[in-house]
N, C-alpha and C. Protein backbone atom coordinates (compact mmCIF):
# COMPACT_ATOMS: atom_id res chain seq x y z
N MET A 1 27.08 30.78 -11.15
CA MET A 1 26.51 30.43 -9.87
C MET A 1 25.43 29.36 -10.03
N ARG A 2 24.63 29.49 -11.10
CA ARG A 2 23.56 28.51 -11.32
C ARG A 2 24.13 27.12 -11.56
N ARG A 3 25.24 27.01 -12.32
CA ARG A 3 25.86 25.71 -12.58
C ARG A 3 26.34 25.07 -11.28
N LEU A 4 26.89 25.88 -10.38
CA LEU A 4 27.36 25.37 -9.10
C LEU A 4 26.19 24.82 -8.28
N SER A 5 25.06 25.52 -8.29
CA SER A 5 23.87 25.06 -7.55
C SER A 5 23.37 23.73 -8.10
N VAL A 6 23.33 23.60 -9.43
CA VAL A 6 22.87 22.37 -10.05
C VAL A 6 23.82 21.23 -9.72
N LYS A 7 25.15 21.50 -9.78
CA LYS A 7 26.13 20.45 -9.46
C LYS A 7 26.01 20.02 -8.01
N LEU A 8 25.81 20.97 -7.09
CA LEU A 8 25.66 20.63 -5.67
C LEU A 8 24.39 19.82 -5.44
N ALA A 9 23.32 20.20 -6.11
CA ALA A 9 22.06 19.46 -5.96
C ALA A 9 22.21 18.04 -6.48
N CYS A 10 22.87 17.88 -7.62
CA CYS A 10 23.09 16.54 -8.18
C CYS A 10 23.98 15.71 -7.26
N ALA A 11 25.01 16.33 -6.69
CA ALA A 11 25.90 15.61 -5.77
C ALA A 11 25.14 15.17 -4.53
N ALA A 12 24.25 16.00 -4.04
CA ALA A 12 23.46 15.65 -2.85
C ALA A 12 22.55 14.46 -3.16
N VAL A 13 21.94 14.44 -4.33
CA VAL A 13 21.08 13.33 -4.71
C VAL A 13 21.89 12.04 -4.82
N VAL A 14 23.07 12.11 -5.42
CA VAL A 14 23.93 10.94 -5.55
C VAL A 14 24.32 10.42 -4.17
N LEU A 15 24.67 11.30 -3.24
CA LEU A 15 25.04 10.88 -1.89
C LEU A 15 23.87 10.21 -1.17
N VAL A 16 22.69 10.77 -1.31
CA VAL A 16 21.52 10.17 -0.65
C VAL A 16 21.26 8.79 -1.21
N VAL A 17 21.34 8.64 -2.53
CA VAL A 17 21.09 7.34 -3.15
C VAL A 17 22.16 6.34 -2.75
N LEU A 18 23.43 6.74 -2.79
CA LEU A 18 24.51 5.83 -2.43
C LEU A 18 24.48 5.45 -0.96
N ALA A 19 24.10 6.37 -0.11
CA ALA A 19 24.07 6.10 1.33
C ALA A 19 22.82 5.32 1.73
N GLY A 20 21.85 5.23 0.83
CA GLY A 20 20.63 4.50 1.15
C GLY A 20 19.72 5.27 2.09
N CYS A 21 19.86 6.58 2.11
CA CYS A 21 19.07 7.39 3.03
C CYS A 21 17.81 7.94 2.39
N GLY A 22 17.63 7.70 1.13
CA GLY A 22 16.46 8.25 0.45
C GLY A 22 15.21 7.47 0.80
N PRO A 23 14.07 8.01 0.43
CA PRO A 23 12.81 7.33 0.74
C PRO A 23 12.69 6.03 -0.04
N ALA A 24 12.19 5.01 0.60
CA ALA A 24 11.96 3.73 -0.06
C ALA A 24 10.74 3.86 -0.96
N SER A 25 10.80 3.26 -2.11
CA SER A 25 9.66 3.33 -3.02
C SER A 25 8.65 2.25 -2.67
N ALA A 26 7.45 2.40 -3.18
CA ALA A 26 6.41 1.38 -2.97
C ALA A 26 6.85 0.06 -3.59
N ALA A 27 7.61 0.15 -4.70
CA ALA A 27 8.09 -1.08 -5.34
C ALA A 27 9.04 -1.83 -4.43
N ASP A 28 9.88 -1.11 -3.67
CA ASP A 28 10.79 -1.77 -2.73
C ASP A 28 10.00 -2.53 -1.68
N GLY A 29 8.95 -1.92 -1.15
CA GLY A 29 8.11 -2.58 -0.14
C GLY A 29 7.42 -3.79 -0.72
N ALA A 30 6.90 -3.68 -1.93
CA ALA A 30 6.21 -4.79 -2.57
C ALA A 30 7.17 -5.95 -2.84
N GLN A 31 8.41 -5.64 -3.25
CA GLN A 31 9.39 -6.70 -3.49
C GLN A 31 9.74 -7.41 -2.20
N ALA A 32 9.86 -6.66 -1.11
CA ALA A 32 10.17 -7.27 0.19
C ALA A 32 9.02 -8.17 0.63
N ILE A 33 7.79 -7.74 0.42
CA ILE A 33 6.62 -8.56 0.79
C ILE A 33 6.60 -9.83 -0.06
N ARG A 34 6.84 -9.68 -1.34
CA ARG A 34 6.85 -10.86 -2.24
C ARG A 34 7.88 -11.88 -1.78
N ALA A 35 9.04 -11.41 -1.34
CA ALA A 35 10.11 -12.31 -0.90
C ALA A 35 9.74 -13.06 0.39
N GLN A 36 8.77 -12.56 1.14
CA GLN A 36 8.37 -13.20 2.40
C GLN A 36 7.43 -14.39 2.20
N TRP A 37 6.91 -14.58 0.99
CA TRP A 37 5.89 -15.60 0.77
C TRP A 37 6.36 -16.65 -0.22
N ARG A 38 5.85 -17.88 -0.04
CA ARG A 38 6.14 -18.96 -0.97
C ARG A 38 4.86 -19.76 -1.22
N VAL A 39 4.84 -20.49 -2.33
CA VAL A 39 3.74 -21.39 -2.64
C VAL A 39 4.17 -22.78 -2.20
N GLU A 40 3.33 -23.41 -1.39
CA GLU A 40 3.67 -24.72 -0.83
C GLU A 40 2.61 -25.74 -1.26
N ALA A 41 3.06 -26.89 -1.77
CA ALA A 41 2.14 -27.96 -2.16
C ALA A 41 1.94 -28.89 -0.96
N VAL A 42 0.69 -29.23 -0.69
CA VAL A 42 0.35 -30.17 0.38
C VAL A 42 -0.33 -31.37 -0.28
N PRO A 43 0.26 -32.58 -0.15
CA PRO A 43 -0.31 -33.75 -0.81
C PRO A 43 -1.76 -33.99 -0.40
N GLY A 44 -2.57 -34.40 -1.37
CA GLY A 44 -3.97 -34.72 -1.11
C GLY A 44 -4.30 -36.10 -1.64
N ASP A 45 -5.56 -36.50 -1.54
CA ASP A 45 -5.97 -37.82 -2.02
C ASP A 45 -5.79 -37.96 -3.53
N ASP A 46 -6.27 -36.99 -4.28
CA ASP A 46 -6.20 -37.06 -5.74
C ASP A 46 -5.13 -36.14 -6.33
N TRP A 47 -4.99 -34.96 -5.78
CA TRP A 47 -4.01 -33.99 -6.25
C TRP A 47 -3.65 -33.08 -5.09
N PRO A 48 -2.56 -32.37 -5.19
CA PRO A 48 -2.15 -31.54 -4.05
C PRO A 48 -3.00 -30.28 -3.91
N ALA A 49 -3.05 -29.79 -2.69
CA ALA A 49 -3.61 -28.46 -2.42
C ALA A 49 -2.41 -27.52 -2.37
N TYR A 50 -2.64 -26.27 -2.68
CA TYR A 50 -1.55 -25.29 -2.65
C TYR A 50 -1.89 -24.22 -1.63
N TRP A 51 -0.86 -23.77 -0.93
CA TRP A 51 -1.01 -22.77 0.11
C TRP A 51 -0.01 -21.65 -0.11
N LEU A 52 -0.43 -20.41 0.16
CA LEU A 52 0.50 -19.29 0.28
C LEU A 52 0.95 -19.29 1.73
N VAL A 53 2.26 -19.38 1.95
CA VAL A 53 2.80 -19.50 3.30
C VAL A 53 3.84 -18.41 3.51
N ASN A 54 3.75 -17.71 4.63
CA ASN A 54 4.74 -16.70 4.99
C ASN A 54 6.00 -17.43 5.46
N LYS A 55 7.15 -17.11 4.90
CA LYS A 55 8.40 -17.79 5.22
C LYS A 55 8.83 -17.58 6.67
N ASP A 56 8.52 -16.43 7.23
CA ASP A 56 8.94 -16.12 8.60
C ASP A 56 7.93 -16.57 9.65
N HIS A 57 6.67 -16.67 9.27
CA HIS A 57 5.60 -17.03 10.20
C HIS A 57 4.77 -18.14 9.55
N SER A 58 5.17 -19.39 9.73
CA SER A 58 4.53 -20.50 9.01
C SER A 58 3.05 -20.67 9.36
N ALA A 59 2.62 -20.16 10.51
CA ALA A 59 1.20 -20.23 10.86
C ALA A 59 0.38 -19.23 10.04
N LEU A 60 1.05 -18.28 9.42
CA LEU A 60 0.40 -17.28 8.57
C LEU A 60 0.32 -17.87 7.16
N ARG A 61 -0.85 -18.44 6.83
CA ARG A 61 -0.99 -19.17 5.57
C ARG A 61 -2.43 -19.10 5.08
N GLN A 62 -2.59 -19.28 3.78
CA GLN A 62 -3.92 -19.26 3.16
C GLN A 62 -3.95 -20.30 2.06
N GLU A 63 -4.97 -21.16 2.09
CA GLU A 63 -5.13 -22.11 0.99
C GLU A 63 -5.48 -21.33 -0.27
N MET A 64 -4.84 -21.68 -1.37
CA MET A 64 -5.05 -20.99 -2.64
C MET A 64 -6.25 -21.60 -3.37
N PHE A 65 -7.04 -20.75 -3.98
CA PHE A 65 -8.17 -21.20 -4.79
C PHE A 65 -7.64 -21.58 -6.16
N LEU A 66 -8.01 -22.76 -6.65
CA LEU A 66 -7.62 -23.18 -7.99
C LEU A 66 -8.86 -23.16 -8.88
N ALA A 67 -8.82 -22.32 -9.90
CA ALA A 67 -9.98 -22.13 -10.77
C ALA A 67 -10.02 -23.11 -11.93
N GLY A 68 -8.88 -23.71 -12.25
CA GLY A 68 -8.83 -24.61 -13.40
C GLY A 68 -7.40 -25.04 -13.64
N PRO A 69 -7.15 -25.68 -14.78
CA PRO A 69 -5.80 -26.13 -15.09
C PRO A 69 -4.80 -24.97 -15.06
N ILE A 70 -3.58 -25.29 -14.68
CA ILE A 70 -2.55 -24.27 -14.53
C ILE A 70 -1.34 -24.64 -15.38
N ALA A 71 -0.89 -23.70 -16.22
CA ALA A 71 0.35 -23.90 -16.97
C ALA A 71 1.49 -24.01 -15.97
N GLY A 72 2.33 -25.00 -16.13
CA GLY A 72 3.41 -25.20 -15.17
C GLY A 72 2.94 -26.03 -13.98
N GLU A 73 1.65 -26.36 -13.95
CA GLU A 73 1.04 -27.27 -12.99
C GLU A 73 1.00 -26.81 -11.54
N ARG A 74 1.35 -25.58 -11.25
CA ARG A 74 1.18 -25.07 -9.89
C ARG A 74 0.98 -23.57 -9.94
N PRO A 75 0.20 -23.03 -9.00
CA PRO A 75 -0.04 -21.58 -8.99
C PRO A 75 1.24 -20.83 -8.63
N TRP A 76 1.27 -19.55 -8.96
CA TRP A 76 2.43 -18.73 -8.63
C TRP A 76 1.99 -17.32 -8.27
N ILE A 77 2.84 -16.64 -7.51
CA ILE A 77 2.59 -15.24 -7.17
C ILE A 77 2.90 -14.41 -8.40
N SER A 78 1.92 -13.68 -8.89
CA SER A 78 2.12 -12.91 -10.11
C SER A 78 2.45 -11.45 -9.84
N ASP A 79 2.01 -10.92 -8.69
CA ASP A 79 2.23 -9.50 -8.42
C ASP A 79 1.98 -9.22 -6.94
N VAL A 80 2.55 -8.15 -6.46
CA VAL A 80 2.22 -7.62 -5.14
C VAL A 80 1.85 -6.16 -5.34
N VAL A 81 0.64 -5.80 -4.92
CA VAL A 81 0.12 -4.45 -5.10
C VAL A 81 0.15 -3.74 -3.75
N THR A 82 0.76 -2.56 -3.70
CA THR A 82 0.78 -1.77 -2.48
C THR A 82 -0.53 -0.99 -2.38
N VAL A 83 -1.33 -1.31 -1.36
CA VAL A 83 -2.58 -0.60 -1.12
C VAL A 83 -2.31 0.63 -0.27
N ASP A 84 -1.59 0.45 0.82
CA ASP A 84 -1.23 1.52 1.75
C ASP A 84 0.14 1.19 2.33
N GLY A 85 1.18 1.75 1.74
CA GLY A 85 2.55 1.45 2.17
C GLY A 85 2.84 1.87 3.59
N LYS A 86 2.31 3.01 4.02
CA LYS A 86 2.55 3.48 5.40
C LYS A 86 1.91 2.54 6.41
N ARG A 87 0.74 2.06 6.11
CA ARG A 87 0.01 1.17 7.02
C ARG A 87 0.44 -0.29 6.85
N GLY A 88 1.08 -0.60 5.70
CA GLY A 88 1.55 -1.96 5.46
C GLY A 88 0.49 -2.90 4.92
N ILE A 89 -0.41 -2.38 4.07
CA ILE A 89 -1.47 -3.19 3.49
C ILE A 89 -1.11 -3.50 2.03
N TYR A 90 -1.11 -4.79 1.70
CA TYR A 90 -0.70 -5.24 0.37
C TYR A 90 -1.69 -6.27 -0.16
N LEU A 91 -1.75 -6.39 -1.48
CA LEU A 91 -2.45 -7.48 -2.13
C LEU A 91 -1.39 -8.41 -2.71
N ILE A 92 -1.43 -9.66 -2.33
CA ILE A 92 -0.54 -10.66 -2.90
C ILE A 92 -1.37 -11.39 -3.94
N VAL A 93 -1.11 -11.08 -5.20
CA VAL A 93 -1.92 -11.58 -6.32
C VAL A 93 -1.27 -12.86 -6.85
N TYR A 94 -2.10 -13.89 -7.06
CA TYR A 94 -1.56 -15.13 -7.59
C TYR A 94 -2.44 -15.67 -8.72
N TYR A 95 -1.78 -16.44 -9.59
CA TYR A 95 -2.45 -17.07 -10.72
C TYR A 95 -3.18 -18.30 -10.22
N ALA A 96 -4.50 -18.39 -10.48
CA ALA A 96 -5.32 -19.47 -9.94
C ALA A 96 -5.77 -20.48 -11.00
N GLY A 97 -5.38 -20.29 -12.24
CA GLY A 97 -5.72 -21.27 -13.26
C GLY A 97 -6.42 -20.67 -14.46
N GLN A 98 -6.80 -21.59 -15.37
CA GLN A 98 -7.38 -21.17 -16.64
C GLN A 98 -8.58 -22.05 -16.99
N PRO A 99 -9.74 -21.77 -16.39
CA PRO A 99 -10.93 -22.53 -16.76
C PRO A 99 -11.49 -22.04 -18.09
N GLY A 100 -12.39 -22.80 -18.63
CA GLY A 100 -13.06 -22.37 -19.85
C GLY A 100 -13.08 -23.47 -20.88
N THR A 101 -14.02 -23.37 -21.78
CA THR A 101 -14.11 -24.33 -22.88
C THR A 101 -14.07 -23.57 -24.20
N SER A 102 -15.06 -22.73 -24.45
CA SER A 102 -15.07 -21.98 -25.71
C SER A 102 -14.12 -20.78 -25.65
N GLU A 103 -13.84 -20.30 -24.45
CA GLU A 103 -12.92 -19.18 -24.26
C GLU A 103 -12.13 -19.41 -22.97
N LEU A 104 -10.83 -19.51 -23.09
CA LEU A 104 -9.99 -19.71 -21.90
C LEU A 104 -9.86 -18.39 -21.15
N VAL A 105 -9.95 -18.46 -19.84
CA VAL A 105 -9.91 -17.27 -18.99
C VAL A 105 -8.84 -17.47 -17.92
N ASP A 106 -7.87 -16.56 -17.85
CA ASP A 106 -6.87 -16.60 -16.78
C ASP A 106 -7.48 -15.96 -15.55
N VAL A 107 -7.47 -16.68 -14.43
CA VAL A 107 -8.08 -16.21 -13.19
C VAL A 107 -6.98 -15.90 -12.18
N PHE A 108 -7.11 -14.73 -11.55
CA PHE A 108 -6.17 -14.31 -10.52
C PHE A 108 -6.94 -14.02 -9.24
N TYR A 109 -6.37 -14.41 -8.11
CA TYR A 109 -6.94 -14.13 -6.79
C TYR A 109 -5.95 -13.27 -6.03
N ALA A 110 -6.43 -12.59 -5.00
CA ALA A 110 -5.57 -11.75 -4.17
C ALA A 110 -5.79 -12.04 -2.70
N LEU A 111 -4.69 -12.13 -2.00
CA LEU A 111 -4.69 -12.25 -0.54
C LEU A 111 -4.47 -10.84 -0.01
N VAL A 112 -5.35 -10.34 0.84
CA VAL A 112 -5.19 -9.02 1.44
C VAL A 112 -4.37 -9.21 2.71
N TYR A 113 -3.16 -8.62 2.73
CA TYR A 113 -2.20 -8.88 3.79
C TYR A 113 -1.86 -7.60 4.55
N ASP A 114 -1.94 -7.66 5.86
CA ASP A 114 -1.54 -6.57 6.75
C ASP A 114 -0.15 -6.91 7.28
N ALA A 115 0.88 -6.32 6.70
CA ALA A 115 2.26 -6.64 7.07
C ALA A 115 2.62 -6.13 8.46
N ARG A 116 2.02 -5.03 8.88
CA ARG A 116 2.33 -4.47 10.20
C ARG A 116 1.83 -5.39 11.31
N ASP A 117 0.59 -5.86 11.18
CA ASP A 117 0.00 -6.72 12.21
C ASP A 117 0.17 -8.20 11.92
N LYS A 118 0.84 -8.52 10.81
CA LYS A 118 1.05 -9.92 10.39
C LYS A 118 -0.28 -10.67 10.38
N ALA A 119 -1.22 -10.17 9.58
CA ALA A 119 -2.55 -10.76 9.52
C ALA A 119 -3.06 -10.81 8.08
N ILE A 120 -3.83 -11.84 7.79
CA ILE A 120 -4.52 -11.96 6.51
C ILE A 120 -5.92 -11.38 6.70
N LEU A 121 -6.25 -10.36 5.92
CA LEU A 121 -7.53 -9.68 6.06
C LEU A 121 -8.61 -10.24 5.14
N GLY A 122 -8.21 -11.02 4.17
CA GLY A 122 -9.19 -11.59 3.25
C GLY A 122 -8.52 -12.25 2.06
N HIS A 123 -9.35 -12.91 1.25
CA HIS A 123 -8.87 -13.67 0.09
C HIS A 123 -9.99 -13.63 -0.94
N TYR A 124 -9.79 -12.92 -2.06
CA TYR A 124 -10.88 -12.63 -2.99
C TYR A 124 -10.43 -12.72 -4.44
N PRO A 125 -11.38 -12.93 -5.38
CA PRO A 125 -11.04 -12.86 -6.80
C PRO A 125 -10.47 -11.48 -7.13
N TYR A 126 -9.42 -11.46 -7.95
CA TYR A 126 -8.77 -10.20 -8.30
C TYR A 126 -9.09 -9.80 -9.74
N SER A 127 -8.90 -10.73 -10.67
CA SER A 127 -9.22 -10.40 -12.07
C SER A 127 -9.42 -11.68 -12.87
N ARG A 128 -10.07 -11.50 -14.02
CA ARG A 128 -10.27 -12.57 -14.98
C ARG A 128 -9.92 -11.97 -16.35
N LYS A 129 -9.01 -12.64 -17.05
CA LYS A 129 -8.55 -12.10 -18.33
C LYS A 129 -8.65 -13.17 -19.41
N SER A 130 -9.19 -12.77 -20.55
CA SER A 130 -9.24 -13.65 -21.71
C SER A 130 -8.65 -12.90 -22.89
N CYS A 131 -8.63 -13.55 -24.04
CA CYS A 131 -8.08 -12.87 -25.22
C CYS A 131 -8.98 -11.72 -25.67
N ARG A 132 -10.25 -11.72 -25.25
CA ARG A 132 -11.18 -10.67 -25.65
C ARG A 132 -11.51 -9.68 -24.55
N ASN A 133 -11.43 -10.11 -23.30
CA ASN A 133 -11.88 -9.26 -22.19
C ASN A 133 -10.90 -9.28 -21.03
N ASP A 134 -10.89 -8.20 -20.31
CA ASP A 134 -10.19 -8.10 -19.03
C ASP A 134 -11.25 -7.63 -18.05
N TYR A 135 -11.77 -8.55 -17.28
CA TYR A 135 -12.89 -8.21 -16.41
C TYR A 135 -12.69 -8.87 -15.05
N GLY A 136 -13.53 -8.52 -14.16
CA GLY A 136 -13.45 -9.08 -12.82
C GLY A 136 -13.89 -8.02 -11.83
N PRO A 137 -13.64 -8.28 -10.57
CA PRO A 137 -14.07 -7.33 -9.54
C PRO A 137 -13.37 -5.98 -9.69
N GLU A 138 -14.07 -4.96 -9.25
CA GLU A 138 -13.48 -3.62 -9.17
C GLU A 138 -12.97 -3.45 -7.74
N TRP A 139 -11.68 -3.16 -7.61
CA TRP A 139 -11.06 -2.94 -6.30
C TRP A 139 -10.90 -1.44 -6.10
N ILE A 140 -11.46 -0.92 -5.00
CA ILE A 140 -11.43 0.51 -4.72
C ILE A 140 -10.71 0.71 -3.39
N PHE A 141 -9.64 1.53 -3.40
CA PHE A 141 -8.85 1.78 -2.20
C PHE A 141 -9.02 3.22 -1.74
N GLY A 142 -9.14 3.43 -0.44
CA GLY A 142 -9.19 4.77 0.11
C GLY A 142 -9.83 4.82 1.48
N ASN A 143 -9.44 5.82 2.25
CA ASN A 143 -10.00 6.05 3.59
C ASN A 143 -9.87 4.82 4.50
N ASN A 144 -8.69 4.18 4.47
CA ASN A 144 -8.42 2.99 5.30
C ASN A 144 -9.45 1.89 5.06
N ARG A 145 -9.81 1.73 3.80
CA ARG A 145 -10.84 0.75 3.45
C ARG A 145 -10.57 0.23 2.04
N ILE A 146 -10.86 -1.05 1.86
CA ILE A 146 -10.84 -1.67 0.53
C ILE A 146 -12.27 -2.10 0.24
N ARG A 147 -12.77 -1.71 -0.93
CA ARG A 147 -14.09 -2.16 -1.37
C ARG A 147 -13.90 -2.98 -2.64
N ILE A 148 -14.56 -4.14 -2.65
CA ILE A 148 -14.48 -5.03 -3.81
C ILE A 148 -15.89 -5.20 -4.34
N ARG A 149 -16.07 -4.76 -5.58
CA ARG A 149 -17.39 -4.82 -6.21
C ARG A 149 -17.30 -5.76 -7.42
N ASP A 150 -18.06 -6.86 -7.36
CA ASP A 150 -18.06 -7.85 -8.43
C ASP A 150 -19.49 -8.03 -8.94
N GLU A 151 -19.62 -8.19 -10.23
CA GLU A 151 -20.94 -8.35 -10.84
C GLU A 151 -21.67 -9.55 -10.24
N GLY A 152 -22.89 -9.32 -9.79
CA GLY A 152 -23.71 -10.39 -9.26
C GLY A 152 -23.39 -10.78 -7.82
N ALA A 153 -22.56 -10.02 -7.15
CA ALA A 153 -22.21 -10.33 -5.76
C ALA A 153 -22.33 -9.07 -4.91
N GLU A 154 -22.46 -9.26 -3.62
CA GLU A 154 -22.52 -8.11 -2.71
C GLU A 154 -21.15 -7.45 -2.62
N ILE A 155 -21.14 -6.16 -2.35
CA ILE A 155 -19.88 -5.43 -2.18
C ILE A 155 -19.22 -5.91 -0.89
N VAL A 156 -17.93 -6.22 -0.99
CA VAL A 156 -17.14 -6.61 0.18
C VAL A 156 -16.40 -5.37 0.66
N VAL A 157 -16.43 -5.11 1.96
CA VAL A 157 -15.72 -3.97 2.54
C VAL A 157 -14.75 -4.50 3.58
N ILE A 158 -13.48 -4.11 3.45
CA ILE A 158 -12.45 -4.49 4.41
C ILE A 158 -11.89 -3.21 5.00
N ASP A 159 -12.09 -3.00 6.29
CA ASP A 159 -11.51 -1.85 6.98
C ASP A 159 -10.17 -2.26 7.56
N TYR A 160 -9.22 -1.34 7.50
CA TYR A 160 -7.91 -1.63 8.10
C TYR A 160 -7.42 -0.44 8.88
């Protein structure tokens, strides 16, 4: 009897997965958000500016901060972090360059995106990584709020 129960349970899981009726994972939501955005170069006097642009809503855009030289010569989206999947709050993290002289530091910025309301809630430093350190702002999520604490700066609070 126990073997029959296990086989039925496994068959039910297979049916749910094949039918696509199972719960979507946070990774699925993050991948869908990532697919909605592109990096766009806008010609400038000396060099181009780069913008994160929503493919479906071209008015939804944010100029990207460039911290220094970039391998490949243009910034790219490095990650999408799900802050609150039910509410549709995501961080679109992008590579902003590699400043430094005695120690090169990879700089990443994050766009705080409200997918439900199609709104940009902010644009802040996300992390700084070198061969010796991984440092940068502390991002704290909870209670419909994002808090960003960076050394030497005031705490930023974003309510959603």
